[in-house]
Amino acid sequence: QLQASGGGLVQAGGSLRLSCVASGLSFDDYAIGWFRQVPGKVREAVACIAKDGATYYADSVKGRFTISRDYAKNTAYLQMNSLKLEDTAVYYCNARTILYEYWGQGTKLTVSS
């Protein structure tokens, strides 16, 4: 299971950190991703971190968001800085291997002007 948390209301330009706690799976074996979705739009990948720590970022968040993982805590994080209105969405964490994939329940971020 994946438990995402940390969403909330923040002003534009502010920062927030999302957390994704994994349980019941071998965290070390999974690539972890953060995705986001707004109503009426397709869920999009925001950032991903591989088993070996390699990272990927969507162009829209490069230089502002940082994904990381703590293997000891079975937790992945998404540090979000310089938030923009267009970052408003429900954020989901995802864990995947070649064979398995899990989604967290989503945590909502609202960026206000």
PDB file of N, CA and C in Angstrom:
ATOM      1  N   GLN A   1       0.833  -1.193   0.000  1.00  0.00           N
ATOM      2  CA  GLN A   1       0.000   0.000   0.000  1.00  0.00           C
ATOM      3  C   GLN A   1       0.873   1.250   0.000  1.00  0.00           C
ATOM      4  N   LEU A   2       0.307   2.307  -0.548  1.00  0.00           N
ATOM      5  CA  LEU A   2       0.994   3.593  -0.549  1.00  0.00           C
ATOM      6  C   LEU A   2       0.089   4.613   0.126  1.00  0.00           C
ATOM      7  N   GLN A   3       0.664   5.380   1.014  1.00  0.00           N
ATOM      8  CA  GLN A   3      -0.083   6.410   1.725  1.00  0.00           C
ATOM      9  C   GLN A   3       0.561   7.751   1.440  1.00  0.00           C
ATOM     10  N   ALA A   4      -0.123   8.576   0.671  1.00  0.00           N
ATOM     11  CA  ALA A   4       0.392   9.896   0.329  1.00  0.00           C
ATOM     12  C   ALA A   4      -0.173  10.924   1.293  1.00  0.00           C
ATOM     13  N   SER A   5       0.626  11.903   1.611  1.00  0.00           N
ATOM     14  CA  SER A   5       0.180  12.967   2.510  1.00  0.00           C
ATOM     15  C   SER A   5       0.996  14.227   2.244  1.00  0.00           C
ATOM     16  N   GLY A   6       0.564  15.317   2.873  1.00  0.00           N
ATOM     17  CA  GLY A   6       1.321  16.552   2.802  1.00  0.00           C
ATOM     18  C   GLY A   6       0.695  17.643   1.956  1.00  0.00           C
ATOM     19  N   GLY A   7      -0.384  17.327   1.267  1.00  0.00           N
ATOM     20  CA  GLY A   7      -1.034  18.346   0.470  1.00  0.00           C
ATOM     21  C   GLY A   7      -1.673  19.409   1.333  1.00  0.00           C
ATOM     22  N   GLY A   8      -2.120  20.466   0.692  1.00  0.00           N
ATOM     23  CA  GLY A   8      -2.753  21.541   1.431  1.00  0.00           C
ATOM     24  C   GLY A   8      -2.887  22.773   0.583  1.00  0.00           C
ATOM     25  N   LEU A   9      -3.102  23.887   1.258  1.00  0.00           N
ATOM     26  CA  LEU A   9      -3.257  25.179   0.599  1.00  0.00           C
ATOM     27  C   LEU A   9      -1.998  25.997   0.830  1.00  0.00           C
ATOM     28  N   VAL A  10      -1.418  26.503  -0.240  1.00  0.00           N
ATOM     29  CA  VAL A  10      -0.196  27.287  -0.138  1.00  0.00           C
ATOM     30  C   VAL A  10      -0.256  28.427  -1.131  1.00  0.00           C
ATOM     31  N   GLN A  11       0.368  29.529  -0.788  1.00  0.00           N
ATOM     32  CA  GLN A  11       0.395  30.669  -1.699  1.00  0.00           C
ATOM     33  C   GLN A  11       1.408  30.447  -2.807  1.00  0.00           C
ATOM     34  N   ALA A  12       1.158  31.068  -3.928  1.00  0.00           N
ATOM     35  CA  ALA A  12       2.100  31.015  -5.032  1.00  0.00           C
ATOM     36  C   ALA A  12       3.462  31.499  -4.558  1.00  0.00           C
ATOM     37  N   GLY A  13       4.492  30.782  -4.985  1.00  0.00           N
ATOM     38  CA  GLY A  13       5.842  31.087  -4.550  1.00  0.00           C
ATOM     39  C   GLY A  13       6.276  30.314  -3.319  1.00  0.00           C
ATOM     40  N   GLY A  14       5.329  29.679  -2.683  1.00  0.00           N
ATOM     41  CA  GLY A  14       5.624  28.935  -1.468  1.00  0.00           C
ATOM     42  C   GLY A  14       6.151  27.542  -1.744  1.00  0.00           C
ATOM     43  N   SER A  15       6.327  26.795  -0.654  1.00  0.00           N
ATOM     44  CA  SER A  15       6.891  25.448  -0.730  1.00  0.00           C
ATOM     45  C   SER A  15       6.031  24.476   0.059  1.00  0.00           C
ATOM     46  N   LEU A  16       6.141  23.227  -0.321  1.00  0.00           N
ATOM     47  CA  LEU A  16       5.428  22.166   0.381  1.00  0.00           C
ATOM     48  C   LEU A  16       6.155  20.860   0.085  1.00  0.00           C
ATOM     49  N   ARG A  17       6.065  19.936   1.004  1.00  0.00           N
ATOM     50  CA  ARG A  17       6.661  18.631   0.769  1.00  0.00           C
ATOM     51  C   ARG A  17       5.605  17.547   0.905  1.00  0.00           C
ATOM     52  N   LEU A  18       5.522  16.724  -0.102  1.00  0.00           N
ATOM     53  CA  LEU A  18       4.626  15.570  -0.072  1.00  0.00           C
ATOM     54  C   LEU A  18       5.412  14.339   0.356  1.00  0.00           C
ATOM     55  N   SER A  19       4.727  13.446   1.047  1.00  0.00           N
ATOM     56  CA  SER A  19       5.333  12.188   1.473  1.00  0.00           C
ATOM     57  C   SER A  19       4.503  11.018   0.964  1.00  0.00           C
ATOM     58  N   CYS A  20       5.180   9.940   0.713  1.00  0.00           N
ATOM     59  CA  CYS A  20       4.520   8.709   0.274  1.00  0.00           C
ATOM     60  C   CYS A  20       5.146   7.556   1.039  1.00  0.00           C
ATOM     61  N   VAL A  21       4.392   6.986   1.950  1.00  0.00           N
ATOM     62  CA  VAL A  21       4.881   5.885   2.766  1.00  0.00           C
ATOM     63  C   VAL A  21       4.401   4.569   2.168  1.00  0.00           C
ATOM     64  N   ALA A  22       5.334   3.669   1.954  1.00  0.00           N
ATOM     65  CA  ALA A  22       5.011   2.366   1.378  1.00  0.00           C
ATOM     66  C   ALA A  22       4.993   1.301   2.468  1.00  0.00           C
ATOM     67  N   SER A  23       4.038   0.413   2.367  1.00  0.00           N
ATOM     68  CA  SER A  23       3.980  -0.715   3.290  1.00  0.00           C
ATOM     69  C   SER A  23       3.527  -1.948   2.530  1.00  0.00           C
ATOM     70  N   GLY A  24       4.005  -3.107   2.999  1.00  0.00           N
ATOM     71  CA  GLY A  24       3.592  -4.352   2.373  1.00  0.00           C
ATOM     72  C   GLY A  24       4.238  -4.647   1.044  1.00  0.00           C
ATOM     73  N   LEU A  25       5.283  -3.913   0.718  1.00  0.00           N
ATOM     74  CA  LEU A  25       6.011  -4.190  -0.509  1.00  0.00           C
ATOM     75  C   LEU A  25       7.497  -3.949  -0.257  1.00  0.00           C
ATOM     76  N   SER A  26       8.298  -4.527  -1.102  1.00  0.00           N
ATOM     77  CA  SER A  26       9.750  -4.356  -0.989  1.00  0.00           C
ATOM     78  C   SER A  26      10.124  -3.023  -1.622  1.00  0.00           C
ATOM     79  N   PHE A  27      10.116  -2.014  -0.797  1.00  0.00           N
ATOM     80  CA  PHE A  27      10.296  -0.636  -1.273  1.00  0.00           C
ATOM     81  C   PHE A  27      11.527  -0.493  -2.144  1.00  0.00           C
ATOM     82  N   ASP A  28      12.595  -1.159  -1.764  1.00  0.00           N
ATOM     83  CA  ASP A  28      13.851  -1.012  -2.497  1.00  0.00           C
ATOM     84  C   ASP A  28      13.747  -1.483  -3.942  1.00  0.00           C
ATOM     85  N   ASP A  29      12.800  -2.345  -4.222  1.00  0.00           N
ATOM     86  CA  ASP A  29      12.689  -2.930  -5.560  1.00  0.00           C
ATOM     87  C   ASP A  29      11.843  -2.101  -6.520  1.00  0.00           C
ATOM     88  N   TYR A  30      11.251  -1.045  -5.994  1.00  0.00           N
ATOM     89  CA  TYR A  30      10.283  -0.292  -6.784  1.00  0.00           C
ATOM     90  C   TYR A  30      10.806   1.076  -7.218  1.00  0.00           C
ATOM     91  N   ALA A  31      10.480   1.438  -8.436  1.00  0.00           N
ATOM     92  CA  ALA A  31      10.610   2.825  -8.855  1.00  0.00           C
ATOM     93  C   ALA A  31       9.402   3.576  -8.300  1.00  0.00           C
ATOM     94  N   ILE A  32       9.633   4.780  -7.850  1.00  0.00           N
ATOM     95  CA  ILE A  32       8.571   5.589  -7.252  1.00  0.00           C
ATOM     96  C   ILE A  32       8.319   6.816  -8.109  1.00  0.00           C
ATOM     97  N   GLY A  33       7.079   7.090  -8.344  1.00  0.00           N
ATOM     98  CA  GLY A  33       6.727   8.261  -9.137  1.00  0.00           C
ATOM     99  C   GLY A  33       5.678   9.109  -8.463  1.00  0.00           C
ATOM    100  N   TRP A  34       5.724  10.379  -8.757  1.00  0.00           N
ATOM    101  CA  TRP A  34       4.645  11.296  -8.372  1.00  0.00           C
ATOM    102  C   TRP A  34       3.938  11.740  -9.646  1.00  0.00           C
ATOM    103  N   PHE A  35       2.625  11.659  -9.614  1.00  0.00           N
ATOM    104  CA  PHE A  35       1.792  12.079 -10.722  1.00  0.00           C
ATOM    105  C   PHE A  35       0.796  13.106 -10.196  1.00  0.00           C
ATOM    106  N   ARG A  36       0.198  13.843 -11.100  1.00  0.00           N
ATOM    107  CA  ARG A  36      -0.837  14.771 -10.674  1.00  0.00           C
ATOM    108  C   ARG A  36      -1.950  14.813 -11.704  1.00  0.00           C
ATOM    109  N   GLN A  37      -3.106  15.202 -11.212  1.00  0.00           N
ATOM    110  CA  GLN A  37      -4.274  15.239 -12.084  1.00  0.00           C
ATOM    111  C   GLN A  37      -5.207  16.361 -11.666  1.00  0.00           C
ATOM    112  N   VAL A  38      -5.684  17.071 -12.656  1.00  0.00           N
ATOM    113  CA  VAL A  38      -6.730  18.069 -12.436  1.00  0.00           C
ATOM    114  C   VAL A  38      -7.984  17.566 -13.118  1.00  0.00           C
ATOM    115  N   PRO A  39      -9.139  17.974 -12.649  1.00  0.00           N
ATOM    116  CA  PRO A  39     -10.394  17.488 -13.240  1.00  0.00           C
ATOM    117  C   PRO A  39     -10.441  17.727 -14.741  1.00  0.00           C
ATOM    118  N   GLY A  40     -10.817  16.704 -15.464  1.00  0.00           N
ATOM    119  CA  GLY A  40     -10.968  16.830 -16.903  1.00  0.00           C
ATOM    120  C   GLY A  40      -9.695  16.641 -17.695  1.00  0.00           C
ATOM    121  N   LYS A  41      -8.604  16.407 -16.990  1.00  0.00           N
ATOM    122  CA  LYS A  41      -7.332  16.226 -17.691  1.00  0.00           C
ATOM    123  C   LYS A  41      -6.726  14.875 -17.349  1.00  0.00           C
ATOM    124  N   VAL A  42      -5.826  14.457 -18.214  1.00  0.00           N
ATOM    125  CA  VAL A  42      -5.138  13.183 -18.018  1.00  0.00           C
ATOM    126  C   VAL A  42      -4.130  13.309 -16.880  1.00  0.00           C
ATOM    127  N   ARG A  43      -4.012  12.246 -16.129  1.00  0.00           N
ATOM    128  CA  ARG A  43      -2.996  12.225 -15.073  1.00  0.00           C
ATOM    129  C   ARG A  43      -1.620  12.306 -15.725  1.00  0.00           C
ATOM    130  N   GLU A  44      -0.776  13.149 -15.181  1.00  0.00           N
ATOM    131  CA  GLU A  44       0.540  13.343 -15.785  1.00  0.00           C
ATOM    132  C   GLU A  44       1.650  13.031 -14.787  1.00  0.00           C
ATOM    133  N   ALA A  45       2.742  12.552 -15.316  1.00  0.00           N
ATOM    134  CA  ALA A  45       3.909  12.279 -14.482  1.00  0.00           C
ATOM    135  C   ALA A  45       4.609  13.581 -14.123  1.00  0.00           C
ATOM    136  N   VAL A  46       4.963  13.710 -12.880  1.00  0.00           N
ATOM    137  CA  VAL A  46       5.647  14.901 -12.393  1.00  0.00           C
ATOM    138  C   VAL A  46       7.125  14.605 -12.169  1.00  0.00           C
ATOM    139  N   ALA A  47       7.390  13.540 -11.463  1.00  0.00           N
ATOM    140  CA  ALA A  47       8.771  13.168 -11.146  1.00  0.00           C
ATOM    141  C   ALA A  47       8.816  11.695 -10.806  1.00  0.00           C
ATOM    142  N   CYS A  48       9.933  11.083 -11.111  1.00  0.00           N
ATOM    143  CA  CYS A  48      10.114   9.670 -10.795  1.00  0.00           C
ATOM    144  C   CYS A  48      11.532   9.458 -10.290  1.00  0.00           C
ATOM    145  N   ILE A  49      11.673   8.465  -9.440  1.00  0.00           N
ATOM    146  CA  ILE A  49      12.990   8.093  -8.950  1.00  0.00           C
ATOM    147  C   ILE A  49      13.121   6.582  -9.026  1.00  0.00           C
ATOM    148  N   ALA A  50      14.176   6.147  -9.656  1.00  0.00           N
ATOM    149  CA  ALA A  50      14.397   4.719  -9.866  1.00  0.00           C
ATOM    150  C   ALA A  50      14.966   4.058  -8.613  1.00  0.00           C
ATOM    151  N   LYS A  51      15.099   2.734  -8.691  1.00  0.00           N
ATOM    152  CA  LYS A  51      15.673   1.994  -7.566  1.00  0.00           C
ATOM    153  C   LYS A  51      17.060   2.498  -7.210  1.00  0.00           C
ATOM    154  N   ASP A  52      17.808   2.855  -8.250  1.00  0.00           N
ATOM    155  CA  ASP A  52      19.192   3.295  -8.025  1.00  0.00           C
ATOM    156  C   ASP A  52      19.313   4.782  -7.727  1.00  0.00           C
ATOM    157  N   GLY A  53      18.166   5.473  -7.656  1.00  0.00           N
ATOM    158  CA  GLY A  53      18.192   6.885  -7.324  1.00  0.00           C
ATOM    159  C   GLY A  53      18.170   7.823  -8.518  1.00  0.00           C
ATOM    160  N   ALA A  54      18.224   7.269  -9.710  1.00  0.00           N
ATOM    161  CA  ALA A  54      18.138   8.127 -10.894  1.00  0.00           C
ATOM    162  C   ALA A  54      16.775   8.807 -10.923  1.00  0.00           C
ATOM    163  N   THR A  55      16.757  10.046 -11.367  1.00  0.00           N
ATOM    164  CA  THR A  55      15.520  10.827 -11.312  1.00  0.00           C
ATOM    165  C   THR A  55      15.100  11.334 -12.683  1.00  0.00           C
ATOM    166  N   TYR A  56      13.834  11.587 -12.782  1.00  0.00           N
ATOM    167  CA  TYR A  56      13.231  12.174 -13.981  1.00  0.00           C
ATOM    168  C   TYR A  56      12.258  13.245 -13.528  1.00  0.00           C
ATOM    169  N   TYR A  57      12.221  14.345 -14.260  1.00  0.00           N
ATOM    170  CA  TYR A  57      11.277  15.415 -13.953  1.00  0.00           C
ATOM    171  C   TYR A  57      10.561  15.875 -15.224  1.00  0.00           C
ATOM    172  N   ALA A  58       9.316  16.183 -15.072  1.00  0.00           N
ATOM    173  CA  ALA A  58       8.604  16.837 -16.161  1.00  0.00           C
ATOM    174  C   ALA A  58       9.196  18.231 -16.352  1.00  0.00           C
ATOM    175  N   ASP A  59       9.180  18.691 -17.580  1.00  0.00           N
ATOM    176  CA  ASP A  59       9.755  20.004 -17.876  1.00  0.00           C
ATOM    177  C   ASP A  59       9.108  21.106 -17.038  1.00  0.00           C
ATOM    178  N   SER A  60       7.841  20.943 -16.764  1.00  0.00           N
ATOM    179  CA  SER A  60       7.098  21.991 -16.057  1.00  0.00           C
ATOM    180  C   SER A  60       7.542  22.165 -14.605  1.00  0.00           C
ATOM    181  N   VAL A  61       8.258  21.178 -14.058  1.00  0.00           N
ATOM    182  CA  VAL A  61       8.651  21.272 -12.650  1.00  0.00           C
ATOM    183  C   VAL A  61      10.163  21.248 -12.451  1.00  0.00           C
ATOM    184  N   LYS A  62      10.907  21.087 -13.519  1.00  0.00           N
ATOM    185  CA  LYS A  62      12.369  21.045 -13.399  1.00  0.00           C
ATOM    186  C   LYS A  62      12.893  22.302 -12.731  1.00  0.00           C
ATOM    187  N   GLY A  63      13.790  22.114 -11.798  1.00  0.00           N
ATOM    188  CA  GLY A  63      14.373  23.229 -11.084  1.00  0.00           C
ATOM    189  C   GLY A  63      13.543  23.712  -9.907  1.00  0.00           C
ATOM    190  N   ARG A  64      12.319  23.213  -9.793  1.00  0.00           N
ATOM    191  CA  ARG A  64      11.447  23.625  -8.685  1.00  0.00           C
ATOM    192  C   ARG A  64      11.106  22.467  -7.750  1.00  0.00           C
ATOM    193  N   PHE A  65      10.948  21.289  -8.312  1.00  0.00           N
ATOM    194  CA  PHE A  65      10.574  20.102  -7.533  1.00  0.00           C
ATOM    195  C   PHE A  65      11.766  19.170  -7.409  1.00  0.00           C
ATOM    196  N   THR A  66      11.829  18.478  -6.286  1.00  0.00           N
ATOM    197  CA  THR A  66      12.877  17.486  -6.064  1.00  0.00           C
ATOM    198  C   THR A  66      12.250  16.230  -5.486  1.00  0.00           C
ATOM    199  N   ILE A  67      12.492  15.109  -6.140  1.00  0.00           N
ATOM    200  CA  ILE A  67      12.012  13.832  -5.642  1.00  0.00           C
ATOM    201  C   ILE A  67      13.163  13.135  -4.925  1.00  0.00           C
ATOM    202  N   SER A  68      12.834  12.463  -3.842  1.00  0.00           N
ATOM    203  CA  SER A  68      13.852  11.736  -3.100  1.00  0.00           C
ATOM    204  C   SER A  68      13.195  10.538  -2.426  1.00  0.00           C
ATOM    205  N   ARG A  69      14.032   9.664  -1.901  1.00  0.00           N
ATOM    206  CA  ARG A  69      13.493   8.503  -1.213  1.00  0.00           C
ATOM    207  C   ARG A  69      14.398   8.150  -0.050  1.00  0.00           C
ATOM    208  N   ASP A  70      13.768   7.671   1.004  1.00  0.00           N
ATOM    209  CA  ASP A  70      14.472   7.225   2.206  1.00  0.00           C
ATOM    210  C   ASP A  70      14.207   5.734   2.344  1.00  0.00           C
ATOM    211  N   TYR A  71      15.209   4.935   2.019  1.00  0.00           N
ATOM    212  CA  TYR A  71      15.018   3.486   2.019  1.00  0.00           C
ATOM    213  C   TYR A  71      14.759   2.956   3.425  1.00  0.00           C
ATOM    214  N   ALA A  72      15.340   3.573   4.419  1.00  0.00           N
ATOM    215  CA  ALA A  72      15.156   3.117   5.800  1.00  0.00           C
ATOM    216  C   ALA A  72      13.723   3.349   6.284  1.00  0.00           C
ATOM    217  N   LYS A  73      13.090   4.376   5.745  1.00  0.00           N
ATOM    218  CA  LYS A  73      11.725   4.715   6.184  1.00  0.00           C
ATOM    219  C   LYS A  73      10.662   4.268   5.183  1.00  0.00           C
ATOM    220  N   ASN A  74      11.086   3.619   4.106  1.00  0.00           N
ATOM    221  CA  ASN A  74      10.136   3.215   3.054  1.00  0.00           C
ATOM    222  C   ASN A  74       9.270   4.388   2.607  1.00  0.00           C
ATOM    223  N   THR A  75       9.900   5.510   2.443  1.00  0.00           N
ATOM    224  CA  THR A  75       9.166   6.737   2.155  1.00  0.00           C
ATOM    225  C   THR A  75       9.815   7.485   0.996  1.00  0.00           C
ATOM    226  N   ALA A  76       8.978   8.016   0.141  1.00  0.00           N
ATOM    227  CA  ALA A  76       9.428   8.896  -0.928  1.00  0.00           C
ATOM    228  C   ALA A  76       8.858  10.281  -0.681  1.00  0.00           C
ATOM    229  N   TYR A  77       9.580  11.273  -1.160  1.00  0.00           N
ATOM    230  CA  TYR A  77       9.179  12.658  -0.930  1.00  0.00           C
ATOM    231  C   TYR A  77       9.154  13.422  -2.250  1.00  0.00           C
ATOM    232  N   LEU A  78       8.358  14.450  -2.264  1.00  0.00           N
ATOM    233  CA  LEU A  78       8.383  15.402  -3.362  1.00  0.00           C
ATOM    234  C   LEU A  78       8.440  16.791  -2.741  1.00  0.00           C
ATOM    235  N   GLN A  79       9.610  17.383  -2.798  1.00  0.00           N
ATOM    236  CA  GLN A  79       9.778  18.745  -2.309  1.00  0.00           C
ATOM    237  C   GLN A  79       9.411  19.687  -3.431  1.00  0.00           C
ATOM    238  N   MET A  80       8.466  20.561  -3.155  1.00  0.00           N
ATOM    239  CA  MET A  80       7.960  21.469  -4.185  1.00  0.00           C
ATOM    240  C   MET A  80       8.225  22.897  -3.755  1.00  0.00           C
ATOM    241  N   ASN A  81       9.020  23.593  -4.531  1.00  0.00           N
ATOM    242  CA  ASN A  81       9.355  24.989  -4.261  1.00  0.00           C
ATOM    243  C   ASN A  81       8.833  25.880  -5.378  1.00  0.00           C
ATOM    244  N   SER A  82       8.793  27.161  -5.107  1.00  0.00           N
ATOM    245  CA  SER A  82       8.348  28.144  -6.111  1.00  0.00           C
ATOM    246  C   SER A  82       7.046  27.703  -6.761  1.00  0.00           C
ATOM    247  N   LEU A  83       6.101  27.350  -5.942  1.00  0.00           N
ATOM    248  CA  LEU A  83       4.844  26.813  -6.458  1.00  0.00           C
ATOM    249  C   LEU A  83       4.086  27.839  -7.276  1.00  0.00           C
ATOM    250  N   LYS A  84       3.435  27.333  -8.305  1.00  0.00           N
ATOM    251  CA  LYS A  84       2.660  28.157  -9.219  1.00  0.00           C
ATOM    252  C   LYS A  84       1.197  27.743  -9.166  1.00  0.00           C
ATOM    253  N   LEU A  85       0.342  28.643  -9.632  1.00  0.00           N
ATOM    254  CA  LEU A  85      -1.084  28.334  -9.649  1.00  0.00           C
ATOM    255  C   LEU A  85      -1.360  27.047 -10.418  1.00  0.00           C
ATOM    256  N   GLU A  86      -0.609  26.843 -11.487  1.00  0.00           N
ATOM    257  CA  GLU A  86      -0.836  25.675 -12.334  1.00  0.00           C
ATOM    258  C   GLU A  86      -0.349  24.368 -11.714  1.00  0.00           C
ATOM    259  N   ASP A  87       0.261  24.435 -10.559  1.00  0.00           N
ATOM    260  CA  ASP A  87       0.626  23.220  -9.836  1.00  0.00           C
ATOM    261  C   ASP A  87      -0.550  22.652  -9.045  1.00  0.00           C
ATOM    262  N   THR A  88      -1.622  23.399  -8.982  1.00  0.00           N
ATOM    263  CA  THR A  88      -2.813  22.929  -8.280  1.00  0.00           C
ATOM    264  C   THR A  88      -3.322  21.638  -8.913  1.00  0.00           C
ATOM    265  N   ALA A  89      -3.454  20.606  -8.100  1.00  0.00           N
ATOM    266  CA  ALA A  89      -3.875  19.288  -8.608  1.00  0.00           C
ATOM    267  C   ALA A  89      -3.973  18.326  -7.431  1.00  0.00           C
ATOM    268  N   VAL A  90      -4.477  17.159  -7.718  1.00  0.00           N
ATOM    269  CA  VAL A  90      -4.366  16.053  -6.785  1.00  0.00           C
ATOM    270  C   VAL A  90      -3.109  15.282  -7.162  1.00  0.00           C
ATOM    271  N   TYR A  91      -2.265  15.067  -6.187  1.00  0.00           N
ATOM    272  CA  TYR A  91      -0.994  14.395  -6.416  1.00  0.00           C
ATOM    273  C   TYR A  91      -1.076  12.951  -5.928  1.00  0.00           C
ATOM    274  N   TYR A  92      -0.602  12.062  -6.768  1.00  0.00           N
ATOM    275  CA  TYR A  92      -0.625  10.639  -6.464  1.00  0.00           C
ATOM    276  C   TYR A  92       0.797  10.088  -6.490  1.00  0.00           C
ATOM    277  N   CYS A  93       1.081   9.192  -5.575  1.00  0.00           N
ATOM    278  CA  CYS A  93       2.351   8.485  -5.668  1.00  0.00           C
ATOM    279  C   CYS A  93       2.100   7.095  -6.271  1.00  0.00           C
ATOM    280  N   ASN A  94       3.123   6.614  -6.893  1.00  0.00           N
ATOM    281  CA  ASN A  94       3.036   5.358  -7.654  1.00  0.00           C
ATOM    282  C   ASN A  94       4.299   4.562  -7.406  1.00  0.00           C
ATOM    283  N   ALA A  95       4.137   3.287  -7.242  1.00  0.00           N
ATOM    284  CA  ALA A  95       5.285   2.395  -7.096  1.00  0.00           C
ATOM    285  C   ALA A  95       5.154   1.314  -8.149  1.00  0.00           C
ATOM    286  N   ARG A  96       6.232   1.054  -8.853  1.00  0.00           N
ATOM    287  CA  ARG A  96       6.108   0.073  -9.914  1.00  0.00           C
ATOM    288  C   ARG A  96       7.398  -0.707 -10.129  1.00  0.00           C
ATOM    289  N   THR A  97       7.189  -1.956 -10.536  1.00  0.00           N
ATOM    290  CA  THR A  97       8.257  -2.773 -11.088  1.00  0.00           C
ATOM    291  C   THR A  97       7.760  -3.249 -12.451  1.00  0.00           C
ATOM    292  N   ILE A  98       8.482  -4.137 -13.051  1.00  0.00           N
ATOM    293  CA  ILE A  98       8.042  -4.680 -14.334  1.00  0.00           C
ATOM    294  C   ILE A  98       6.722  -5.440 -14.163  1.00  0.00           C
ATOM    295  N   LEU A  99       6.560  -6.050 -12.993  1.00  0.00           N
ATOM    296  CA  LEU A  99       5.400  -6.925 -12.786  1.00  0.00           C
ATOM    297  C   LEU A  99       4.268  -6.270 -12.000  1.00  0.00           C
ATOM    298  N   TYR A 100       4.584  -5.342 -11.139  1.00  0.00           N
ATOM    299  CA  TYR A 100       3.576  -4.817 -10.218  1.00  0.00           C
ATOM    300  C   TYR A 100       3.520  -3.298 -10.258  1.00  0.00           C
ATOM    301  N   GLU A 101       2.344  -2.783  -9.896  1.00  0.00           N
ATOM    302  CA  GLU A 101       2.157  -1.345  -9.825  1.00  0.00           C
ATOM    303  C   GLU A 101       1.120  -1.032  -8.754  1.00  0.00           C
ATOM    304  N   TYR A 102       1.424  -0.022  -7.965  1.00  0.00           N
ATOM    305  CA  TYR A 102       0.521   0.405  -6.900  1.00  0.00           C
ATOM    306  C   TYR A 102       0.356   1.924  -6.949  1.00  0.00           C
ATOM    307  N   TRP A 103      -0.835   2.349  -6.547  1.00  0.00           N
ATOM    308  CA  TRP A 103      -1.126   3.788  -6.479  1.00  0.00           C
ATOM    309  C   TRP A 103      -1.546   4.151  -5.059  1.00  0.00           C
ATOM    310  N   GLY A 104      -1.123   5.322  -4.653  1.00  0.00           N
ATOM    311  CA  GLY A 104      -1.624   5.880  -3.406  1.00  0.00           C
ATOM    312  C   GLY A 104      -2.963   6.550  -3.647  1.00  0.00           C
ATOM    313  N   GLN A 105      -3.554   7.057  -2.582  1.00  0.00           N
ATOM    314  CA  GLN A 105      -4.912   7.575  -2.655  1.00  0.00           C
ATOM    315  C   GLN A 105      -5.000   9.027  -3.120  1.00  0.00           C
ATOM    316  N   GLY A 106      -3.901   9.707  -3.230  1.00  0.00           N
ATOM    317  CA  GLY A 106      -3.924  11.091  -3.679  1.00  0.00           C
ATOM    318  C   GLY A 106      -3.971  12.081  -2.534  1.00  0.00           C
ATOM    319  N   THR A 107      -3.269  13.169  -2.725  1.00  0.00           N
ATOM    320  CA  THR A 107      -3.301  14.260  -1.758  1.00  0.00           C
ATOM    321  C   THR A 107      -3.423  15.559  -2.556  1.00  0.00           C
ATOM    322  N   LYS A 108      -4.297  16.433  -2.101  1.00  0.00           N
ATOM    323  CA  LYS A 108      -4.638  17.610  -2.900  1.00  0.00           C
ATOM    324  C   LYS A 108      -3.770  18.807  -2.553  1.00  0.00           C
ATOM    325  N   LEU A 109      -3.248  19.428  -3.584  1.00  0.00           N
ATOM    326  CA  LEU A 109      -2.496  20.663  -3.439  1.00  0.00           C
ATOM    327  C   LEU A 109      -3.265  21.783  -4.123  1.00  0.00           C
ATOM    328  N   THR A 110      -3.478  22.853  -3.396  1.00  0.00           N
ATOM    329  CA  THR A 110      -4.091  24.043  -3.969  1.00  0.00           C
ATOM    330  C   THR A 110      -3.129  25.210  -3.786  1.00  0.00           C
ATOM    331  N   VAL A 111      -2.768  25.819  -4.890  1.00  0.00           N
ATOM    332  CA  VAL A 111      -1.895  26.985  -4.861  1.00  0.00           C
ATOM    333  C   VAL A 111      -2.748  28.217  -5.129  1.00  0.00           C
ATOM    334  N   SER A 112      -2.689  29.160  -4.216  1.00  0.00           N
ATOM    335  CA  SER A 112      -3.507  30.364  -4.334  1.00  0.00           C
ATOM    336  C   SER A 112      -2.658  31.577  -4.678  1.00  0.00           C
ATOM    337  N   SER A 113      -3.293  32.553  -5.266  1.00  0.00           N
ATOM    338  CA  SER A 113      -2.561  33.776  -5.652  1.00  0.00           C
ATOM    339  C   SER A 113      -2.524  34.770  -4.506  1.00  0.00           C
TER     340      SER A 113
END
